[in-house]
Amino acid sequence: MKSYSDTTYAILGILTTDCKSGYAIKQFIDQSLNHFWKISYGQIYPTLKSIVEEGFAEVRISSTPGKPDKNEYYLTPKGKETLKSWLEKPIKQLPVERNELLLKLFFSRHQPKERTLLLLESYKRDLETRYQTYAAIEQAIANHKEKSEDAMYWLFTLDYGKRIAEAAVAWCEDTLNKLLNEGVS
């Protein structure tokens, strides 16, 4: 079977939800996937075009009085089978994190310790904000989970994000303490 980009598979997956237009897909990405998978607006329409060309989806024109017509995309049986086949394959490799903070910390011997402390404190605050965002998303999903068969799986990915954020906050606290107590016996 031919292999496609992860963006193709992500959009096939999104098309299993109520998101059918390019705009709705982008909103869905921004509100859910963006926390762990980035897809730019510029990738969406070319991918949708490719998906249609491959026969994975069909386009239907949706008309609403007083609004311009819009294209809506619906998975075909071939598209559903392609998504299913991809889901069943093992992952290719463990993800490799690109983290600017860790890169800067790695070379922080070359800056004043106060700057490194500020960098870590700022990062910790950002992580705490991210955790609160995840908690709010979790509450929104929990309030509406009976409406979606996907809710349980969305909560699994959200739990992963929350745990990563918690661990990173704990790491920041530990690293800050070690830097602050450096040289203290």
Protein backbone atom coordinates (compact mmCIF):
# COMPACT_ATOMS: atom_id res chain seq x y z
CA MET A 1 0.00 0.00 0.00
CA LYS A 2 1.20 3.50 -0.84
CA SER A 3 2.33 5.62 2.08
CA TYR A 4 1.09 9.18 2.57
CA SER A 5 2.18 12.07 4.76
CA ASP A 6 1.11 12.21 8.39
CA THR A 7 -0.83 15.37 7.49
CA THR A 8 -2.91 13.29 5.06
CA TYR A 9 -3.71 10.76 7.76
CA ALA A 10 -4.47 13.52 10.29
CA ILE A 11 -6.95 15.15 7.90
CA LEU A 12 -8.52 11.78 7.08
CA GLY A 13 -9.01 11.36 10.82
CA ILE A 14 -10.49 14.83 11.20
CA LEU A 15 -12.97 14.06 8.43
CA THR A 16 -14.41 11.32 10.69
CA THR A 17 -15.65 14.14 12.96
CA ASP A 18 -18.26 16.79 12.17
CA CYS A 19 -15.54 18.96 10.58
CA LYS A 20 -16.16 18.96 6.85
CA SER A 21 -14.84 22.30 5.49
CA GLY A 22 -11.28 23.54 5.32
CA TYR A 23 -12.14 26.27 7.84
CA ALA A 24 -13.73 23.77 10.27
CA ILE A 25 -10.69 21.51 9.93
CA LYS A 26 -8.37 24.41 10.82
CA GLN A 27 -10.53 25.28 13.85
CA PHE A 28 -10.44 21.66 14.99
CA ILE A 29 -6.66 21.56 14.64
CA ASP A 30 -6.25 24.80 16.59
CA GLN A 31 -8.51 23.60 19.41
CA SER A 32 -7.24 20.04 19.77
CA LEU A 33 -4.41 18.64 17.65
CA ASN A 34 -2.27 21.77 17.80
CA HIS A 35 -1.17 20.85 21.32
CA PHE A 36 0.70 17.84 19.97
CA TRP A 37 0.54 17.95 16.17
CA LYS A 38 1.10 21.05 14.05
CA ILE A 39 -0.59 21.48 10.69
CA SER A 40 -0.44 24.88 9.03
CA TYR A 41 -3.39 26.45 7.25
CA GLY A 42 -1.32 26.30 4.07
CA GLN A 43 -1.15 22.49 4.29
CA ILE A 44 -4.88 21.91 4.66
CA TYR A 45 -6.22 22.79 1.21
CA PRO A 46 -3.46 21.10 -0.81
CA THR A 47 -3.92 17.99 1.33
CA LEU A 48 -7.70 18.08 0.84
CA LYS A 49 -7.14 18.38 -2.92
CA SER A 50 -4.81 15.37 -2.82
CA ILE A 51 -7.26 13.38 -0.70
CA VAL A 52 -9.99 13.99 -3.26
CA GLU A 53 -7.66 13.12 -6.16
CA GLU A 54 -6.73 9.84 -4.44
CA GLY A 55 -10.42 9.00 -4.02
CA PHE A 56 -10.29 9.15 -0.21
CA ALA A 57 -12.95 11.86 -0.01
CA GLU A 58 -15.55 13.48 -2.17
CA VAL A 59 -16.49 17.14 -2.28
CA ARG A 60 -20.03 18.35 -1.89
CA ILE A 61 -21.12 21.96 -2.23
CA SER A 62 -22.96 23.25 0.82
CA SER A 63 -25.33 26.16 0.39
CA THR A 64 -26.63 28.36 3.18
CA PRO A 65 -28.97 31.25 2.35
CA GLY A 66 -27.17 34.57 2.57
CA LYS A 67 -23.71 32.95 2.64
CA PRO A 68 -21.32 31.91 -0.10
CA ASP A 69 -21.29 28.24 -1.06
CA LYS A 70 -18.57 26.16 0.56
CA ASN A 71 -16.90 22.88 -0.19
CA GLU A 72 -17.48 20.10 2.31
CA TYR A 73 -15.43 16.92 2.30
CA TYR A 74 -16.76 13.46 3.10
CA LEU A 75 -14.68 10.31 3.48
CA THR A 76 -15.25 7.56 0.96
CA PRO A 77 -14.99 3.87 1.89
CA LYS A 78 -11.46 3.96 0.37
CA GLY A 79 -10.57 6.90 2.63
CA LYS A 80 -11.90 5.11 5.71
CA GLU A 81 -9.93 1.97 4.80
CA THR A 82 -6.74 4.00 4.24
CA LEU A 83 -7.13 5.64 7.65
CA LYS A 84 -7.86 2.29 9.30
CA SER A 85 -4.83 0.69 7.68
CA TRP A 86 -2.56 3.51 8.86
CA LEU A 87 -3.98 3.36 12.40
CA GLU A 88 -3.20 -0.36 12.59
CA LYS A 89 0.48 0.07 11.66
CA PRO A 90 3.03 0.40 14.46
CA ILE A 91 4.64 3.80 14.91
CA LYS A 92 7.85 4.25 12.93
CA GLN A 93 9.95 5.73 15.72
CA LEU A 94 9.71 7.38 19.10
CA PRO A 95 9.11 11.10 18.72
CA VAL A 96 12.12 13.35 19.06
CA GLU A 97 11.44 16.55 20.91
CA ARG A 98 12.88 19.82 19.68
CA ASN A 99 12.94 22.07 22.71
CA GLU A 100 14.52 25.52 22.51
CA LEU A 101 14.70 25.80 26.30
CA LEU A 102 16.75 22.60 26.56
CA LEU A 103 19.04 23.79 23.77
CA LYS A 104 19.62 27.11 25.57
CA LEU A 105 20.06 25.37 28.93
CA PHE A 106 22.64 23.04 27.42
CA PHE A 107 24.82 26.08 26.62
CA SER A 108 23.84 28.22 29.63
CA ARG A 109 27.34 28.15 31.11
CA HIS A 110 27.98 31.02 28.71
CA GLN A 111 25.44 33.39 30.26
CA PRO A 112 24.89 34.76 33.77
CA LYS A 113 23.11 32.33 36.09
CA GLU A 114 20.40 34.95 36.70
CA ARG A 115 19.45 34.83 33.00
CA THR A 116 19.21 31.04 33.13
CA LEU A 117 17.02 31.27 36.24
CA LEU A 118 14.72 33.78 34.52
CA LEU A 119 14.52 31.53 31.46
CA LEU A 120 13.53 28.52 33.59
CA GLU A 121 11.00 30.51 35.65
CA SER A 122 9.35 31.84 32.49
CA TYR A 123 9.24 28.35 30.98
CA LYS A 124 7.68 26.99 34.18
CA ARG A 125 4.95 29.68 34.11
CA ASP A 126 4.22 28.86 30.46
CA LEU A 127 3.92 25.17 31.33
CA GLU A 128 1.55 25.94 34.19
CA THR A 129 -0.59 27.99 31.80
CA ARG A 130 -0.56 25.12 29.30
CA TYR A 131 -1.64 22.72 32.05
CA GLN A 132 -4.58 25.01 32.91
CA THR A 133 -5.53 25.11 29.22
CA TYR A 134 -5.50 21.31 29.14
CA ALA A 135 -7.64 21.18 32.28
CA ALA A 136 -10.19 23.52 30.68
CA ILE A 137 -10.27 21.44 27.49
CA GLU A 138 -10.68 18.30 29.58
CA GLN A 139 -13.66 19.83 31.36
CA ALA A 140 -15.26 20.86 28.06
CA ILE A 141 -14.85 17.34 26.66
CA ALA A 142 -16.15 15.76 29.87
CA ASN A 143 -19.23 18.01 29.74
CA HIS A 144 -20.02 16.85 26.19
CA LYS A 145 -18.50 13.37 26.03
CA GLU A 146 -21.85 11.63 25.57
CA LYS A 147 -22.12 13.48 22.25
CA SER A 148 -18.94 11.97 20.78
CA GLU A 149 -17.67 8.45 20.45
CA ASP A 150 -14.19 9.99 20.16
CA ALA A 151 -14.28 11.68 23.59
CA MET A 152 -12.56 8.84 25.46
CA TYR A 153 -9.66 8.89 22.99
CA TRP A 154 -9.42 12.67 23.04
CA LEU A 155 -9.20 12.47 26.83
CA PHE A 156 -6.36 9.94 26.56
CA THR A 157 -4.29 12.35 24.44
CA LEU A 158 -5.17 15.21 26.76
CA ASP A 159 -4.08 13.18 29.79
CA TYR A 160 -0.74 12.59 28.09
CA GLY A 161 -0.32 16.34 27.60
CA LYS A 162 -1.27 17.07 31.21
CA ARG A 163 1.20 14.50 32.53
CA ILE A 164 4.00 15.83 30.32
CA ALA A 165 3.28 19.38 31.53
CA GLU A 166 3.22 18.22 35.18
CA ALA A 167 6.52 16.38 34.77
CA ALA A 168 8.10 19.37 33.03
CA VAL A 169 6.94 21.73 35.82
CA ALA A 170 8.45 19.36 38.42
CA TRP A 171 11.68 19.23 36.38
CA CYS A 172 11.78 23.05 36.26
CA GLU A 173 11.32 23.27 40.03
CA ASP A 174 14.08 20.73 40.62
CA THR A 175 16.45 22.40 38.16
CA LEU A 176 15.77 25.85 39.63
CA ASN A 177 16.47 24.52 43.14
CA LYS A 178 19.73 22.94 42.00
CA LEU A 179 20.85 26.15 40.32
CA LEU A 180 19.88 28.27 43.33
CA ASN A 181 21.66 25.94 45.77
CA GLU A 182 24.73 25.41 43.57
CA GLY A 183 27.85 25.45 45.66
CA VAL A 184 25.94 25.19 48.94
CA SER A 185 27.22 22.32 51.10
